[in-house]
Amino acid sequence: MNASIIEYKRTIRMNSITALPSKVRIDNLTCARFFAALLVLLHHAAKKFPFSEPVQHFLDNGYMGVTFFFVLSGFVIAASSADEMIAPTRTTLTHFYIRRVARIVPVWLFLSLPMVIPYIQQRQPLAPLLTYLSFTQAWSGDMTRTFAFLGLSWTLSCEFFFYLVYPLFAFLLLRLAKTRPSAPLVLAIVAVIVPWLAAAWFAADPARAALNGFDPASPHRWLYRFPALRFCEFAFGVCLNLVWRRHAAAWQSALARSLWGLTGGLAFASVLALMAFVSPGPFTWTAVYILPFGLLVMALSVLEPRQRIRAASFALLVLLGEASYSFYLVHQAFVLPNVFFPERSLLSLLWTIVYCAALSVGLFTLIETPMRKLITGILSEQRPTEVSPAIREELSELGKSA
């Protein structure tokens, strides 16, 4: 048998691990991204605006939107590129990284310039700037350096680490899943356990657990800001996507959708309860939230409408979800100080959300989307085909003769 056909059959067997098409659009998750970004905005607003309990407690814990982002990121990245990692080539890896850069860098750079240019003009030390521009600030034990310039960019430092590791992680996971189909589920469980073990180590020593976030040995540094540990959330999302792909068809029955609806509801309720009644501590930086957020992502994926919803309200949520990255980046440095803080009233908070949403849609429409298309446009005519027509024809003939 022709070696190319053997290779094609091997690819087909590997593709059974990811039974759905790789380019899957899940509007439920797109909408969820907006609410994750909104949680982070409310967290920053709550620091300056006192609400009554348990609302204040809930908003103080809004930083957990970052955990939701990381789990979503792993799930969505796997949905869009897992098939490319079955047998990655230099071309597919190049395309993957260019798409990631095109997605993240343009808006980040646009919003960073008003901070970076004055810093350079004032001839400030170069080390913090180089750390920021290289997306390595989250690795620093110095909190002032981690949050320098556009403070929320520390999460992009984590994301770039995730993207760097992802091709190898996905390749090995898919290979392992070929002979051990339960591997993604097992690794998903491991990804949940590791943050719990790390938090338990800090919680075992009250003095260690109470260290201020500025201390390089603090739980805030190692449990919340450290990219290697935050990779657990991203890996959890990747593993969940592979589990979802394998069982998506079976989970479309009415009973399965009802059970996932119940699971999603319980996960959502548990997140609300944790945020409203559990005080920040070693376990709340990531550990207690990773599982319910993962189950919520799975439920939203399973419950994705079979037909595209065309209601204007849903379309608006999808648009806000698509613009959530801009919403996330712009709110702390540019919106809250200028719109919300002068008055600090509930009405000004609502106006802040509307203003930030409108600004983020503008950034998404005028900067993020055009620049992403410009950067990725050169790839459109260079995408590798999985199998040549000649091999497909030869395989078809082989099948007829079998």
Protein backbone atom coordinates (compact mmCIF):
# COMPACT_ATOMS: atom_id res chain seq x y z
CA MET A 1 0.00 0.00 0.00
CA ASN A 2 1.23 3.49 -0.83
CA ALA A 3 2.96 5.07 2.17
CA SER A 4 0.95 8.26 1.71
CA ILE A 5 -2.29 6.31 2.06
CA ILE A 6 -1.03 4.66 5.22
CA GLU A 7 -0.21 8.10 6.60
CA TYR A 8 -3.65 9.36 5.61
CA LYS A 9 -5.32 6.44 7.40
CA ARG A 10 -3.22 7.22 10.48
CA THR A 11 -4.44 10.82 10.30
CA ILE A 12 -8.05 9.64 10.02
CA ARG A 13 -7.62 7.54 13.17
CA MET A 14 -6.13 10.50 14.99
CA ASN A 15 -8.95 12.73 13.80
CA SER A 16 -11.45 10.40 15.48
CA ILE A 17 -10.16 11.89 18.73
CA THR A 18 -11.43 15.27 17.59
CA ALA A 19 -14.64 14.25 15.93
CA LEU A 20 -15.97 17.72 15.21
CA PRO A 21 -14.62 20.18 12.65
CA SER A 22 -11.77 22.23 14.10
CA LYS A 23 -13.26 25.61 13.21
CA VAL A 24 -16.26 25.50 15.53
CA ARG A 25 -18.08 28.71 16.42
CA ILE A 26 -19.73 28.62 19.84
CA ASP A 27 -21.72 31.80 20.38
CA ASN A 28 -22.58 30.86 23.96
CA LEU A 29 -18.91 31.03 24.88
CA THR A 30 -18.44 34.26 22.94
CA CYS A 31 -21.20 35.87 25.02
CA ALA A 32 -19.69 34.44 28.22
CA ARG A 33 -16.41 36.24 27.51
CA PHE A 34 -18.16 39.59 27.93
CA PHE A 35 -19.46 38.66 31.38
CA ALA A 36 -15.99 37.50 32.40
CA ALA A 37 -14.60 40.90 31.40
CA LEU A 38 -17.48 42.63 33.18
CA LEU A 39 -16.63 40.81 36.41
CA VAL A 40 -13.10 42.20 36.27
CA LEU A 41 -14.41 45.73 35.68
CA LEU A 42 -16.75 45.43 38.66
CA HIS A 43 -13.87 44.15 40.78
CA HIS A 44 -11.82 47.25 40.04
CA ALA A 45 -14.80 49.57 40.50
CA ALA A 46 -15.72 47.99 43.83
CA LYS A 47 -12.38 49.00 45.31
CA LYS A 48 -13.54 52.62 45.25
CA PHE A 49 -17.27 52.25 45.61
CA PRO A 50 -18.69 50.60 48.79
CA PHE A 51 -21.68 48.33 48.27
CA SER A 52 -23.57 46.51 50.98
CA GLU A 53 -22.78 42.88 51.74
CA PRO A 54 -22.82 40.33 50.16
CA VAL A 55 -22.69 42.43 46.97
CA GLN A 56 -19.40 44.04 48.03
CA HIS A 57 -17.91 40.62 48.73
CA PHE A 58 -19.11 39.37 45.35
CA LEU A 59 -17.57 42.29 43.48
CA ASP A 60 -14.31 42.09 45.41
CA ASN A 61 -13.98 38.54 44.07
CA GLY A 62 -14.58 39.69 40.48
CA TYR A 63 -10.93 39.00 39.70
CA MET A 64 -12.10 35.42 39.18
CA GLY A 65 -13.14 36.54 35.73
CA VAL A 66 -9.48 35.90 34.87
CA THR A 67 -9.89 32.20 35.72
CA PHE A 68 -12.95 32.09 33.48
CA PHE A 69 -10.91 33.74 30.71
CA PHE A 70 -8.08 31.23 30.99
CA VAL A 71 -10.37 28.17 30.95
CA LEU A 72 -12.30 29.66 28.02
CA SER A 73 -9.05 30.42 26.23
CA GLY A 74 -7.87 26.82 26.44
CA PHE A 75 -11.22 25.50 25.28
CA VAL A 76 -11.50 27.90 22.34
CA ILE A 77 -7.86 27.51 21.25
CA ALA A 78 -8.31 23.74 21.16
CA ALA A 79 -11.57 24.15 19.25
CA SER A 80 -9.83 26.20 16.57
CA SER A 81 -6.47 24.48 16.29
CA ALA A 82 -6.38 21.00 17.88
CA ASP A 83 -6.55 19.27 14.50
CA GLU A 84 -3.48 21.21 13.37
CA MET A 85 -1.52 19.81 16.31
CA ILE A 86 -2.09 16.15 15.41
CA ALA A 87 0.88 16.31 13.04
CA PRO A 88 2.19 19.88 13.31
CA THR A 89 4.53 21.28 10.69
CA ARG A 90 6.64 24.42 10.60
CA THR A 91 3.92 26.05 8.48
CA THR A 92 1.03 25.20 10.80
CA LEU A 93 3.00 26.34 13.85
CA THR A 94 3.96 29.58 12.12
CA HIS A 95 0.32 30.20 11.22
CA PHE A 96 -0.78 29.42 14.77
CA TYR A 97 1.62 31.91 16.34
CA ILE A 98 0.90 34.62 13.79
CA ARG A 99 -2.83 34.27 14.48
CA ARG A 100 -2.18 34.59 18.22
CA VAL A 101 -0.02 37.68 17.76
CA ALA A 102 -2.59 39.21 15.40
CA ARG A 103 -5.30 38.62 18.00
CA ILE A 104 -3.49 40.10 21.00
CA VAL A 105 -0.85 42.63 20.00
CA PRO A 106 -2.61 45.38 17.95
CA VAL A 107 -5.05 46.64 20.62
CA TRP A 108 -2.52 46.07 23.40
CA LEU A 109 0.09 48.12 21.54
CA PHE A 110 -2.42 50.88 20.71
CA LEU A 111 -3.43 51.23 24.36
CA SER A 112 0.16 50.91 25.61
CA LEU A 113 1.62 53.73 23.55
CA PRO A 114 0.21 56.58 25.73
CA MET A 115 2.12 55.04 28.65
CA VAL A 116 5.22 53.77 26.92
CA ILE A 117 6.10 56.91 24.93
CA PRO A 118 6.26 59.29 27.94
CA TYR A 119 8.25 56.65 29.83
CA ILE A 120 10.84 56.57 27.05
CA GLN A 121 10.89 60.36 26.76
CA GLN A 122 11.62 60.64 30.48
CA ARG A 123 14.56 58.24 30.04
CA GLN A 124 13.36 55.89 32.73
CA PRO A 125 15.13 52.53 33.38
CA LEU A 126 14.78 50.17 30.43
CA ALA A 127 14.42 46.91 32.38
CA PRO A 128 10.71 47.33 33.30
CA LEU A 129 9.91 48.45 29.75
CA LEU A 130 11.71 45.49 28.18
CA THR A 131 9.93 43.12 30.56
CA TYR A 132 6.60 44.65 29.55
CA LEU A 133 7.26 44.62 25.81
CA SER A 134 8.46 41.01 25.91
CA PHE A 135 5.34 39.82 27.77
CA THR A 136 7.44 38.37 30.59
CA GLN A 137 6.23 40.64 33.41
CA ALA A 138 4.12 37.96 35.10
CA TRP A 139 7.26 35.96 35.84
CA SER A 140 8.62 38.77 37.98
CA GLY A 141 8.39 38.61 41.75
CA ASP A 142 8.17 42.41 41.82
CA MET A 143 4.48 43.29 41.76
CA THR A 144 5.18 46.83 40.60
CA ARG A 145 6.90 45.43 37.54
CA THR A 146 4.16 42.84 36.94
CA PHE A 147 1.50 45.56 36.91
CA ALA A 148 3.57 48.28 35.21
CA PHE A 149 2.18 50.33 32.32
CA LEU A 150 -1.11 48.72 31.21
CA GLY A 151 -1.56 46.72 34.40
CA LEU A 152 -3.93 44.08 33.10
CA SER A 153 -1.34 43.04 30.51
CA TRP A 154 0.13 40.66 33.09
CA THR A 155 -2.55 38.21 31.98
CA LEU A 156 -1.24 38.51 28.41
CA SER A 157 2.14 37.47 29.77
CA CYS A 158 0.42 34.30 30.99
CA GLU A 159 -1.40 33.84 27.69
CA PHE A 160 1.77 34.06 25.65
CA PHE A 161 3.32 31.40 27.86
CA PHE A 162 0.24 29.24 27.27
CA TYR A 163 0.57 29.70 23.51
CA LEU A 164 4.25 28.83 23.63
CA VAL A 165 3.60 25.56 25.44
CA TYR A 166 0.28 24.65 23.78
CA PRO A 167 1.51 23.01 20.52
CA LEU A 168 3.70 20.52 22.39
CA PHE A 169 1.05 19.95 25.06
CA ALA A 170 -1.69 19.36 22.47
CA PHE A 171 0.55 17.13 20.33
CA LEU A 172 1.47 14.89 23.27
CA LEU A 173 -2.09 14.83 24.59
CA LEU A 174 -3.53 13.84 21.20
CA ARG A 175 -0.90 11.12 20.80
CA LEU A 176 -1.69 9.80 24.24
CA ALA A 177 -5.43 9.93 23.57
CA LYS A 178 -4.92 7.76 20.49
CA THR A 179 -4.18 4.73 22.68
CA ARG A 180 -5.80 5.95 25.89
CA PRO A 181 -9.05 7.75 25.06
CA SER A 182 -9.58 8.68 28.70
CA ALA A 183 -6.32 10.68 28.79
CA PRO A 184 -7.95 14.13 28.28
CA LEU A 185 -10.36 13.50 31.16
CA VAL A 186 -7.58 12.22 33.44
CA LEU A 187 -5.38 15.23 32.68
CA ALA A 188 -8.35 17.54 33.23
CA ILE A 189 -8.68 16.10 36.74
CA VAL A 190 -4.95 16.61 37.32
CA ALA A 191 -5.26 20.23 36.15
CA VAL A 192 -7.92 20.80 38.82
CA ILE A 193 -5.96 19.07 41.60
CA VAL A 194 -2.63 20.88 41.13
CA PRO A 195 -3.94 24.37 42.12
CA TRP A 196 -5.59 22.81 45.17
CA LEU A 197 -2.30 21.23 46.25
CA ALA A 198 -0.45 24.50 45.73
CA ALA A 199 -3.07 26.41 47.73
CA ALA A 200 -2.98 23.78 50.50
CA TRP A 201 0.78 24.25 50.83
CA PHE A 202 0.31 27.97 51.48
CA ALA A 203 -2.72 27.46 53.72
CA ALA A 204 -0.79 25.00 55.90
CA ASP A 205 1.29 27.89 57.25
CA PRO A 206 -0.85 30.89 58.33
CA ALA A 207 2.15 33.21 58.28
CA ARG A 208 3.00 32.19 54.73
CA ALA A 209 -0.62 32.48 53.62
CA ALA A 210 -0.83 36.02 55.08
CA LEU A 211 2.18 37.40 53.17
CA ASN A 212 1.43 40.67 51.38
CA GLY A 213 1.12 40.50 47.61
CA PHE A 214 4.24 42.64 47.23
CA ASP A 215 6.30 39.91 48.90
CA PRO A 216 7.92 37.67 46.24
CA ALA A 217 7.04 34.65 48.39
CA SER A 218 3.36 35.55 48.73
CA PRO A 219 0.46 33.33 47.64
CA HIS A 220 -0.68 36.19 45.41
CA ARG A 221 2.54 35.88 43.43
CA TRP A 222 2.65 32.07 43.17
CA LEU A 223 -1.07 31.19 43.08
CA TYR A 224 -2.48 34.14 41.13
CA ARG A 225 0.25 35.72 38.99
CA PHE A 226 2.59 32.84 38.23
CA PRO A 227 2.11 31.70 34.58
CA ALA A 228 3.23 28.10 35.13
CA LEU A 229 0.52 27.47 37.71
CA ARG A 230 -2.10 29.41 35.73
CA PHE A 231 -1.38 27.06 32.83
CA CYS A 232 -3.48 24.50 34.74
CA GLU A 233 -6.60 26.53 33.90
CA PHE A 234 -5.68 26.76 30.22
CA ALA A 235 -4.79 23.05 30.08
CA PHE A 236 -8.09 22.26 31.79
CA GLY A 237 -9.92 24.09 29.01
CA VAL A 238 -7.95 22.23 26.32
CA CYS A 239 -8.73 18.86 27.89
CA LEU A 240 -12.41 19.71 28.27
CA ASN A 241 -12.60 20.61 24.60
CA LEU A 242 -11.24 17.22 23.58
CA VAL A 243 -13.72 15.49 25.90
CA TRP A 244 -16.53 17.61 24.45
CA ARG A 245 -15.51 16.83 20.86
CA ARG A 246 -15.47 13.11 21.54
CA HIS A 247 -18.94 13.05 23.09
CA ALA A 248 -20.65 16.03 21.43
CA ALA A 249 -22.90 13.92 19.18
CA ALA A 250 -24.08 11.68 22.02
CA TRP A 251 -24.71 14.69 24.24
CA GLN A 252 -27.25 16.15 21.83
CA SER A 253 -30.03 13.92 23.15
CA ALA A 254 -32.78 15.65 25.10
CA LEU A 255 -31.79 13.86 28.32
CA ALA A 256 -28.10 14.73 27.99
CA ARG A 257 -28.85 18.37 27.23
CA SER A 258 -31.16 18.54 30.25
CA LEU A 259 -28.48 17.04 32.50
CA TRP A 260 -25.87 19.46 31.19
CA GLY A 261 -28.31 22.31 31.66
CA LEU A 262 -28.70 21.26 35.30
CA THR A 263 -24.92 20.91 35.67
CA GLY A 264 -24.35 24.35 34.19
CA GLY A 265 -26.97 25.86 36.49
CA LEU A 266 -25.38 24.29 39.56
CA ALA A 267 -21.91 25.41 38.44
CA PHE A 268 -23.17 28.97 37.93
CA ALA A 269 -24.89 28.96 41.32
CA SER A 270 -21.74 27.68 43.01
CA VAL A 271 -19.67 30.48 41.44
CA LEU A 272 -22.16 33.08 42.68
CA ALA A 273 -22.14 31.59 46.18
CA LEU A 274 -18.35 31.37 46.35
CA MET A 275 -17.94 34.95 45.19
CA ALA A 276 -20.57 36.26 47.59
CA PHE A 277 -19.61 34.40 50.76
CA VAL A 278 -16.01 33.12 50.57
CA SER A 279 -13.28 35.54 51.61
CA PRO A 280 -10.14 35.87 49.45
CA GLY A 281 -7.37 33.49 50.47
CA PRO A 282 -4.99 30.86 49.06
CA PHE A 283 -7.82 28.65 47.81
CA THR A 284 -9.80 31.45 46.17
CA TRP A 285 -7.04 32.72 43.87
CA THR A 286 -7.85 29.91 41.43
CA ALA A 287 -8.44 26.52 43.08
CA VAL A 288 -12.10 26.72 44.11
CA TYR A 289 -13.23 28.28 40.85
CA ILE A 290 -11.51 26.22 38.16
CA LEU A 291 -13.91 23.24 38.29
CA PRO A 292 -17.23 25.16 38.31
CA PHE A 293 -16.00 27.45 35.53
CA GLY A 294 -14.95 24.41 33.51
CA LEU A 295 -18.32 22.73 33.98
CA LEU A 296 -20.03 25.97 32.99
CA VAL A 297 -17.96 26.13 29.80
CA MET A 298 -18.86 22.53 28.97
CA ALA A 299 -22.56 23.16 29.62
CA LEU A 300 -22.59 26.26 27.43
CA SER A 301 -20.90 24.31 24.64
CA VAL A 302 -23.31 21.37 24.83
CA LEU A 303 -26.29 23.73 24.98
CA GLU A 304 -25.17 25.79 21.98
CA PRO A 305 -28.35 26.31 19.88
CA ARG A 306 -28.58 23.91 16.95
CA GLN A 307 -29.61 26.83 14.75
CA ARG A 308 -28.07 30.28 14.81
CA ILE A 309 -30.09 32.70 16.94
CA ARG A 310 -30.84 35.89 15.03
CA ALA A 311 -32.47 37.91 17.81
CA ALA A 312 -31.01 41.40 18.06
CA SER A 313 -30.37 41.06 21.80
CA PHE A 314 -28.35 37.88 21.31
CA ALA A 315 -26.46 39.43 18.40
CA LEU A 316 -25.54 42.34 20.67
CA LEU A 317 -24.22 39.94 23.31
CA VAL A 318 -22.15 38.14 20.68
CA LEU A 319 -20.71 41.49 19.54
CA LEU A 320 -19.88 42.44 23.13
CA GLY A 321 -18.26 39.04 23.56
CA GLU A 322 -16.16 39.56 20.45
CA ALA A 323 -15.12 42.97 21.80
CA SER A 324 -14.49 41.63 25.33
CA TYR A 325 -10.71 41.65 24.91
CA SER A 326 -10.78 45.38 24.19
CA PHE A 327 -13.30 45.84 27.03
CA TYR A 328 -10.93 44.05 29.39
CA LEU A 329 -7.85 46.04 28.41
CA VAL A 330 -9.40 49.51 28.24
CA HIS A 331 -11.51 49.68 31.38
CA GLN A 332 -8.96 50.01 34.19
CA ALA A 333 -6.57 52.61 32.83
CA PHE A 334 -8.79 54.64 30.51
CA VAL A 335 -12.45 54.36 31.57
CA LEU A 336 -12.73 53.97 35.34
CA PRO A 337 -10.47 56.92 36.28
CA ASN A 338 -12.21 59.30 33.88
CA VAL A 339 -15.85 58.22 33.96
CA PHE A 340 -16.66 56.42 37.18
CA PHE A 341 -14.40 57.62 39.98
CA PRO A 342 -15.30 61.33 39.97
CA GLU A 343 -18.87 60.60 41.15
CA ARG A 344 -18.78 57.02 42.44
CA SER A 345 -22.52 56.52 42.27
CA LEU A 346 -24.53 53.53 41.09
CA LEU A 347 -25.73 55.54 38.09
CA SER A 348 -22.16 56.44 37.17
CA LEU A 349 -21.23 52.75 37.44
CA LEU A 350 -23.94 51.81 34.94
CA TRP A 351 -22.85 54.64 32.67
CA THR A 352 -19.26 53.42 32.99
CA ILE A 353 -20.26 49.96 31.78
CA VAL A 354 -22.17 51.37 28.81
CA TYR A 355 -19.36 53.77 27.95
CA CYS A 356 -16.73 51.04 28.21
CA ALA A 357 -18.82 48.68 26.07
CA ALA A 358 -19.23 51.32 23.36
CA LEU A 359 -15.52 52.14 23.44
CA SER A 360 -14.55 48.47 23.25
CA VAL A 361 -16.83 47.88 20.25
CA GLY A 362 -15.16 50.83 18.56
CA LEU A 363 -11.70 49.43 19.27
CA PHE A 364 -12.79 46.00 18.08
CA THR A 365 -14.28 47.40 14.87
CA LEU A 366 -11.68 50.03 13.96
CA ILE A 367 -8.43 48.53 15.23
CA GLU A 368 -8.63 44.93 16.39
CA THR A 369 -10.49 43.43 13.42
CA PRO A 370 -8.75 45.36 10.59
CA MET A 371 -5.30 44.70 12.03
CA ARG A 372 -6.03 41.03 12.57
CA LYS A 373 -7.20 40.71 8.99
CA LEU A 374 -4.17 42.59 7.74
CA ILE A 375 -1.72 40.40 9.65
CA THR A 376 -3.42 37.10 8.88
CA GLY A 377 -4.35 37.97 5.29
CA ILE A 378 -0.99 36.78 3.99
CA LEU A 379 -1.79 33.32 5.34
CA SER A 380 -5.00 32.78 3.39
CA GLU A 381 -3.27 31.59 0.24
CA GLN A 382 -0.65 29.55 2.05
CA ARG A 383 -2.73 27.27 4.26
CA PRO A 384 -1.60 23.65 3.92
CA THR A 385 -4.18 21.12 2.76
CA GLU A 386 -4.53 18.03 4.89
CA VAL A 387 -4.50 15.54 2.03
CA SER A 388 -3.83 16.04 -1.66
CA PRO A 389 -6.61 15.23 -4.19
CA ALA A 390 -4.42 12.49 -5.66
CA ILE A 391 -4.23 10.68 -2.33
CA ARG A 392 -7.97 11.10 -1.81
CA GLU A 393 -8.64 9.62 -5.25
CA GLU A 394 -6.22 6.76 -4.66
CA LEU A 395 -7.82 5.98 -1.31
CA SER A 396 -11.26 6.09 -2.90
CA GLU A 397 -10.19 3.58 -5.53
CA LEU A 398 -8.70 1.39 -2.85
CA GLY A 399 -11.98 1.45 -1.00
CA LYS A 400 -13.91 0.45 -4.09
CA SER A 401 -11.66 -2.52 -4.67
CA ALA A 402 -11.80 -3.71 -1.07
